[in-house]
Amino acid sequence: MPGFPVHDLLVMIYALRPALFKTQLLHVDVETEGALTRGMTVADFRPYSYAERNVNVCLQADTDAIFDWYEKVITAACLARA
């Protein structure tokens, strides 16, 4: 969503409307020894990996549906205060 940073908002929307997101359970770890990747999170996308899948990773979001829902929530809240 260019120009509109909504990271915290997306967490709340995912909690309330998870169908608006495409996620995948993956093994994710933090690289602590790499010269080029130290401190980076690394997700294992290999289908044959035996590593424990420990994080539900968001791969895609339905931005149009998210903005539509957000607008409805904000509009309803404003009307309720009027």
C-alpha atoms as a PDB file:
ATOM      1  CA  MET A   1       0.000   0.000   0.000  1.00  0.00           C
ATOM      2  CA  PRO A   2       2.258   2.806  -1.239  1.00  0.00           C
ATOM      3  CA  GLY A   3       2.113   6.101   0.637  1.00  0.00           C
ATOM      4  CA  PHE A   4      -0.016   4.878   3.518  1.00  0.00           C
ATOM      5  CA  PRO A   5       1.979   3.041   6.227  1.00  0.00           C
ATOM      6  CA  VAL A   6      -0.550   1.027   8.209  1.00  0.00           C
ATOM      7  CA  HIS A   7       1.509  -1.712   9.851  1.00  0.00           C
ATOM      8  CA  ASP A   8      -0.252  -1.588  13.224  1.00  0.00           C
ATOM      9  CA  LEU A   9      -3.639  -1.280  11.558  1.00  0.00           C
ATOM     10  CA  LEU A  10      -2.971  -4.383   9.473  1.00  0.00           C
ATOM     11  CA  VAL A  11      -2.300  -6.432  12.597  1.00  0.00           C
ATOM     12  CA  MET A  12      -5.699  -5.480  13.987  1.00  0.00           C
ATOM     13  CA  ILE A  13      -7.449  -6.111  10.670  1.00  0.00           C
ATOM     14  CA  TYR A  14      -5.783  -9.521  10.379  1.00  0.00           C
ATOM     15  CA  ALA A  15      -7.052 -10.384  13.866  1.00  0.00           C
ATOM     16  CA  LEU A  16     -10.597  -9.379  12.881  1.00  0.00           C
ATOM     17  CA  ARG A  17     -10.675 -10.311   9.166  1.00  0.00           C
ATOM     18  CA  PRO A  18      -8.039 -12.994   8.449  1.00  0.00           C
ATOM     19  CA  ALA A  19      -9.771 -13.933   5.168  1.00  0.00           C
ATOM     20  CA  LEU A  20      -8.405 -10.693   3.682  1.00  0.00           C
ATOM     21  CA  PHE A  21      -4.866 -12.068   3.900  1.00  0.00           C
ATOM     22  CA  LYS A  22      -2.971 -14.963   2.346  1.00  0.00           C
ATOM     23  CA  THR A  23      -0.663 -16.526   4.914  1.00  0.00           C
ATOM     24  CA  GLN A  24       1.551 -19.581   5.115  1.00  0.00           C
ATOM     25  CA  LEU A  25       2.942 -21.394   8.133  1.00  0.00           C
ATOM     26  CA  LEU A  26       6.729 -21.455   7.696  1.00  0.00           C
ATOM     27  CA  HIS A  27       9.869 -22.017   9.691  1.00  0.00           C
ATOM     28  CA  VAL A  28      11.372 -18.593  10.443  1.00  0.00           C
ATOM     29  CA  ASP A  29      14.616 -17.949  12.274  1.00  0.00           C
ATOM     30  CA  VAL A  30      16.927 -15.005  12.915  1.00  0.00           C
ATOM     31  CA  GLU A  31      20.358 -15.256  11.305  1.00  0.00           C
ATOM     32  CA  THR A  32      22.970 -14.585  13.982  1.00  0.00           C
ATOM     33  CA  GLU A  33      26.225 -15.603  12.307  1.00  0.00           C
ATOM     34  CA  GLY A  34      26.035 -14.551   8.652  1.00  0.00           C
ATOM     35  CA  ALA A  35      28.369 -11.887   7.327  1.00  0.00           C
ATOM     36  CA  LEU A  36      25.742 -10.446   4.959  1.00  0.00           C
ATOM     37  CA  THR A  37      22.526 -11.422   6.696  1.00  0.00           C
ATOM     38  CA  ARG A  38      23.256 -11.033  10.411  1.00  0.00           C
ATOM     39  CA  GLY A  39      20.125  -9.958  12.269  1.00  0.00           C
ATOM     40  CA  MET A  40      17.796 -10.723   9.352  1.00  0.00           C
ATOM     41  CA  THR A  41      14.839 -13.046   9.603  1.00  0.00           C
ATOM     42  CA  VAL A  42      14.984 -15.966   7.213  1.00  0.00           C
ATOM     43  CA  ALA A  43      11.892 -17.904   6.142  1.00  0.00           C
ATOM     44  CA  ASP A  44      12.193 -21.459   4.851  1.00  0.00           C
ATOM     45  CA  PHE A  45       9.815 -21.840   1.893  1.00  0.00           C
ATOM     46  CA  ARG A  46      11.023 -25.330   0.952  1.00  0.00           C
ATOM     47  CA  PRO A  47       8.078 -27.762   0.942  1.00  0.00           C
ATOM     48  CA  TYR A  48      10.344 -30.650   1.993  1.00  0.00           C
ATOM     49  CA  SER A  49      11.955 -28.921   4.979  1.00  0.00           C
ATOM     50  CA  TYR A  50      11.850 -30.784   8.277  1.00  0.00           C
ATOM     51  CA  ALA A  51      12.291 -27.628  10.335  1.00  0.00           C
ATOM     52  CA  GLU A  52       9.429 -26.830  12.693  1.00  0.00           C
ATOM     53  CA  ARG A  53       6.993 -24.376  11.132  1.00  0.00           C
ATOM     54  CA  ASN A  54       6.818 -21.709  13.814  1.00  0.00           C
ATOM     55  CA  VAL A  55       5.461 -18.490  12.237  1.00  0.00           C
ATOM     56  CA  ASN A  56       2.354 -17.678  10.223  1.00  0.00           C
ATOM     57  CA  VAL A  57       3.823 -15.413   7.512  1.00  0.00           C
ATOM     58  CA  CYS A  58       1.638 -12.963   5.584  1.00  0.00           C
ATOM     59  CA  LEU A  59       2.347 -13.250   1.866  1.00  0.00           C
ATOM     60  CA  GLN A  60      -0.458 -11.159   0.399  1.00  0.00           C
ATOM     61  CA  ALA A  61      -3.201  -8.747   1.463  1.00  0.00           C
ATOM     62  CA  ASP A  62      -6.398  -7.748  -0.331  1.00  0.00           C
ATOM     63  CA  THR A  63      -5.720  -4.013  -0.166  1.00  0.00           C
ATOM     64  CA  ASP A  64      -8.983  -2.953  -1.804  1.00  0.00           C
ATOM     65  CA  ALA A  65     -11.074  -4.981   0.641  1.00  0.00           C
ATOM     66  CA  ILE A  66      -8.962  -3.775   3.566  1.00  0.00           C
ATOM     67  CA  PHE A  67      -9.456  -0.105   2.662  1.00  0.00           C
ATOM     68  CA  ASP A  68     -13.178  -0.648   2.040  1.00  0.00           C
ATOM     69  CA  TRP A  69     -13.602  -2.300   5.450  1.00  0.00           C
ATOM     70  CA  TYR A  70     -11.483   0.367   7.165  1.00  0.00           C
ATOM     71  CA  GLU A  71     -13.568   3.135   5.594  1.00  0.00           C
ATOM     72  CA  LYS A  72     -16.790   1.472   6.800  1.00  0.00           C
ATOM     73  CA  VAL A  73     -15.457   1.157  10.346  1.00  0.00           C
ATOM     74  CA  ILE A  74     -14.271   4.771  10.494  1.00  0.00           C
ATOM     75  CA  THR A  75     -17.485   6.085   8.915  1.00  0.00           C
ATOM     76  CA  ALA A  76     -19.649   4.107  11.351  1.00  0.00           C
ATOM     77  CA  ALA A  77     -17.589   5.390  14.293  1.00  0.00           C
ATOM     78  CA  CYS A  78     -17.941   9.000  13.112  1.00  0.00           C
ATOM     79  CA  LEU A  79     -21.699   8.631  12.615  1.00  0.00           C
ATOM     80  CA  ALA A  80     -22.065   7.091  16.055  1.00  0.00           C
ATOM     81  CA  ARG A  81     -20.393  10.141  17.636  1.00  0.00           C
ATOM     82  CA  ALA A  82     -22.587  12.615  15.765  1.00  0.00           C
END
